[in-house]
Every structure is written in structure tokens, then in C-alpha cells.
Amino acid sequence: MPTETPHPSPRGIPPLAQPRLYRIELRGHLDQAWLSAFAPLSFSSSDRLTTIEVLADQAGLRGILNRLWDLNLDLRSVVEISRPAA
């Protein structure tokens, strides 16, 4: 039985390559200067939690998560908050 492949969007971009909006939560307070490399669309930080929102495709999200890992930051959650238009 052949597997079904996702159809490209009307713009011709496959669904996994389309940018999506993600909310990333990190434990602890981080200065905005630390997060400037991620080009966040929004940013908030308290003593216990830092939240950033980024627009990225799957490869971009993987790069962001790798950088967070390399910086030894404590990841709390990653949530997709918007999907590309079908």
C-alpha cells in the first residue's frame, strides 16, 4: 500500500517547510540580550519563567532548540500556537 505524501500548499511549500508560530518556555529569568539570536516575535521574563514566541519552520525550530541546548538552558515546553494555512 503506497504511503500518502502531504500535498504542497497553494504557495508550493510542503507543510513541514511552512513556518509556524511556537511558544517556548524556559525556566528562570533570561535577559533579552541572550535571546536576541532567536529573533523572537515576543518575549517576557520573570524570576521563574522566560517565554518567547518564534516563527520558524521545522528546520528553524530544530536550530533554535539546538542553540538552547548548547546554552544549557532549562526548557520547560514548546507549543505550536498557529499552523500554516492549508
Protein backbone atom coordinates (compact mmCIF):
# COMPACT_ATOMS: atom_id res chain seq x y z
CA MET A 1 0.00 0.00 0.00
CA PRO A 2 1.58 3.33 -1.01
CA THR A 3 2.02 5.94 1.68
CA GLU A 4 0.22 9.21 1.24
CA THR A 5 2.52 12.20 0.89
CA PRO A 6 1.37 15.64 2.03
CA HIS A 7 0.37 17.96 -0.77
CA PRO A 8 2.12 21.31 -1.08
CA SER A 9 0.23 24.43 -0.09
CA PRO A 10 -1.12 26.74 -2.78
CA ARG A 11 2.21 28.61 -2.49
CA GLY A 12 4.03 25.38 -3.38
CA ILE A 13 5.68 24.94 0.02
CA PRO A 14 5.31 21.48 1.62
CA PRO A 15 3.53 21.61 5.02
CA LEU A 16 6.63 20.73 7.10
CA ALA A 17 8.59 23.55 5.43
CA GLN A 18 5.97 26.21 6.16
CA PRO A 19 6.70 28.49 9.11
CA ARG A 20 4.61 28.10 12.25
CA LEU A 21 4.34 30.14 15.40
CA TYR A 22 5.79 28.46 18.51
CA ARG A 23 5.76 29.45 22.18
CA ILE A 24 8.89 28.30 24.00
CA GLU A 25 9.07 28.43 27.79
CA LEU A 26 12.36 28.29 29.69
CA ARG A 27 12.84 28.01 33.44
CA GLY A 28 14.32 31.07 35.09
CA HIS A 29 14.94 34.67 34.15
CA LEU A 30 16.89 35.46 30.98
CA ASP A 31 17.93 38.85 29.73
CA GLN A 32 16.58 39.75 26.31
CA ALA A 33 20.16 40.10 25.02
CA TRP A 34 20.63 36.33 25.49
CA LEU A 35 17.62 35.64 23.31
CA SER A 36 18.27 38.18 20.53
CA ALA A 37 19.86 35.46 18.38
CA PHE A 38 16.47 33.71 18.19
CA ALA A 39 14.70 36.78 16.76
CA PRO A 40 11.65 36.33 19.00
CA LEU A 41 8.38 37.91 17.94
CA SER A 42 7.58 38.41 21.61
CA PHE A 43 9.47 37.99 24.86
CA SER A 44 8.62 38.03 28.57
CA SER A 45 10.65 37.07 31.59
CA SER A 46 10.04 36.81 35.31
CA ASP A 47 12.15 35.34 38.11
CA ARG A 48 10.82 31.86 37.39
CA LEU A 49 9.91 31.73 33.69
CA THR A 50 11.01 33.16 30.34
CA THR A 51 8.63 32.91 27.39
CA ILE A 52 9.49 33.61 23.76
CA GLU A 53 7.41 33.28 20.61
CA VAL A 54 9.20 32.49 17.36
CA LEU A 55 8.13 31.96 13.77
CA ALA A 56 10.02 29.01 12.30
CA ASP A 57 9.71 26.02 10.01
CA GLN A 58 10.76 22.58 11.28
CA ALA A 59 14.42 23.09 10.42
CA GLY A 60 14.44 26.52 12.06
CA LEU A 61 12.78 25.16 15.20
CA ARG A 62 15.39 22.41 15.38
CA GLY A 63 18.13 25.05 15.13
CA ILE A 64 16.57 27.11 17.93
CA LEU A 65 16.23 24.06 20.18
CA ASN A 66 19.85 23.07 19.45
CA ARG A 67 21.04 26.57 20.44
CA LEU A 68 19.02 26.44 23.66
CA TRP A 69 20.63 23.07 24.41
CA ASP A 70 24.11 24.44 23.64
CA LEU A 71 23.47 27.35 26.04
CA ASN A 72 22.45 24.79 28.70
CA LEU A 73 19.08 26.49 29.20
CA ASP A 74 16.32 24.61 31.03
CA LEU A 75 13.49 24.01 28.52
CA ARG A 76 10.04 23.80 30.07
CA SER A 77 7.80 23.50 27.00
CA VAL A 78 7.45 24.02 23.25
CA VAL A 79 3.93 24.58 21.94
CA GLU A 80 2.80 25.19 18.38
CA ILE A 81 0.31 28.05 18.60
CA SER A 82 -0.50 28.52 14.93
CA ARG A 83 -0.40 26.31 11.90
CA PRO A 84 0.16 27.33 8.30
CA ALA A 85 -2.88 27.89 6.15
CA ALA A 86 -3.92 24.73 4.32
